[in-house]
Amino acid sequence: MPVYQYEDTRNGNVVELEKAVAERDKVPRYLKRFQVPARLTLVGVGEPLDNPLGVNQTNLMKGYYRQEQKLGSRFKSQYTPDSIKRAALRRKQNG
């Protein structure tokens, strides 16, 4: 979920709240949402700073592993494990 920044009109403090997009404006009246946040926070991206070109094989596989642990036997990928590995290797070679 995205993190939104709000100004508390009572005292001028900045408040950060993690909210769904549809519920970002469902806050008390004294909180005013910043249209453009002072800083951008991405939650759950997990990509290290030393790999700016994008997804690497390790993080891709970790993401699939987390989904399998979270959903158990209900997790079904539309891709085969071999196709995921080939795509990650291609990305690594091109990057």
Protein backbone atom coordinates (compact mmCIF):
# COMPACT_ATOMS: atom_id res chain seq x y z
CA MET A 1 0.00 0.00 0.00
CA PRO A 2 1.19 3.52 -0.69
CA VAL A 3 2.30 5.86 2.09
CA TYR A 4 0.63 9.27 2.00
CA GLN A 5 1.74 12.43 3.76
CA TYR A 6 -0.75 14.70 5.50
CA GLU A 7 -0.37 18.05 7.20
CA ASP A 8 -1.98 18.32 10.61
CA THR A 9 -3.66 21.74 10.39
CA ARG A 10 -3.83 21.98 14.19
CA ASN A 11 -0.09 22.09 14.73
CA GLY A 12 1.59 21.92 11.30
CA ASN A 13 3.15 18.49 11.82
CA VAL A 14 3.56 16.08 8.92
CA VAL A 15 1.82 12.72 9.38
CA GLU A 16 2.51 9.67 7.21
CA LEU A 17 -0.20 7.03 6.83
CA GLU A 18 -0.19 3.80 4.87
CA LYS A 19 -3.57 3.66 3.12
CA ALA A 20 -5.18 2.05 0.10
CA VAL A 21 -5.63 4.42 -2.85
CA ALA A 22 -9.42 4.32 -2.53
CA GLU A 23 -9.21 5.28 1.15
CA ARG A 24 -6.47 7.91 1.03
CA ASP A 25 -8.92 10.76 1.70
CA LYS A 26 -10.80 8.99 4.49
CA VAL A 27 -9.00 10.77 7.31
CA PRO A 28 -10.03 13.24 10.02
CA ARG A 29 -10.81 16.77 8.80
CA TYR A 30 -7.76 18.28 10.43
CA LEU A 31 -5.47 16.24 8.15
CA LYS A 32 -4.82 17.71 4.71
CA ARG A 33 -3.17 15.40 2.16
CA PHE A 34 -0.13 16.70 0.27
CA GLN A 35 -0.75 16.42 -3.49
CA VAL A 36 2.97 15.92 -4.06
CA PRO A 37 4.76 14.21 -1.16
CA ALA A 38 8.02 15.63 0.15
CA ARG A 39 9.56 12.20 -0.23
CA LEU A 40 8.54 9.04 -2.01
CA THR A 41 8.39 5.76 -0.12
CA LEU A 42 8.02 2.45 -1.92
CA VAL A 43 6.94 -0.34 0.35
CA GLY A 44 7.70 -3.92 -0.60
CA VAL A 45 9.93 -3.27 -3.60
CA GLY A 46 12.97 -5.04 -2.18
CA GLU A 47 15.37 -4.11 -4.97
CA PRO A 48 18.86 -3.30 -3.66
CA LEU A 49 20.49 -0.01 -4.60
CA ASP A 50 23.44 -1.79 -6.18
CA ASN A 51 21.18 -3.15 -8.95
CA PRO A 52 19.58 -0.07 -10.55
CA LEU A 53 18.83 -1.88 -13.83
CA GLY A 54 15.85 -3.74 -12.43
CA VAL A 55 14.89 -7.12 -11.13
CA ASN A 56 17.70 -9.55 -10.59
CA GLN A 57 17.30 -13.30 -10.36
CA THR A 58 17.70 -13.47 -6.59
CA ASN A 59 14.96 -10.96 -5.83
CA LEU A 60 12.67 -12.45 -8.45
CA MET A 61 12.98 -15.88 -6.91
CA LYS A 62 12.58 -14.45 -3.40
CA GLY A 63 9.34 -12.80 -4.51
CA TYR A 64 7.96 -16.07 -5.83
CA TYR A 65 9.06 -17.84 -2.66
CA ARG A 66 7.25 -15.27 -0.48
CA GLN A 67 4.08 -15.67 -2.53
CA GLU A 68 4.26 -19.45 -2.18
CA GLN A 69 4.71 -19.13 1.58
CA LYS A 70 1.88 -16.63 1.85
CA LEU A 71 -0.67 -18.44 -0.31
CA GLY A 72 0.47 -22.03 0.13
CA SER A 73 -1.05 -24.47 -2.33
CA ARG A 74 -3.34 -21.72 -3.69
CA PHE A 75 -0.38 -19.98 -5.34
CA LYS A 76 -0.39 -20.57 -9.08
CA SER A 77 1.97 -18.68 -11.35
CA GLN A 78 1.07 -18.24 -14.99
CA TYR A 79 4.72 -18.95 -15.80
CA THR A 80 6.64 -22.20 -15.43
CA PRO A 81 9.69 -22.24 -13.14
CA ASP A 82 11.96 -22.76 -16.17
CA SER A 83 10.54 -19.75 -18.02
CA ILE A 84 11.04 -17.57 -14.92
CA LYS A 85 14.67 -18.66 -14.63
CA ARG A 86 15.30 -18.08 -18.36
CA ALA A 87 13.76 -14.60 -18.22
CA ALA A 88 15.82 -13.67 -15.15
CA LEU A 89 19.03 -14.91 -16.79
CA ARG A 90 18.25 -13.01 -20.00
CA ARG A 91 17.61 -9.86 -17.98
CA LYS A 92 20.88 -10.35 -16.11
CA GLN A 93 22.86 -10.82 -19.34
CA ASN A 94 21.28 -7.78 -21.04
CA GLY A 95 21.70 -5.57 -17.96
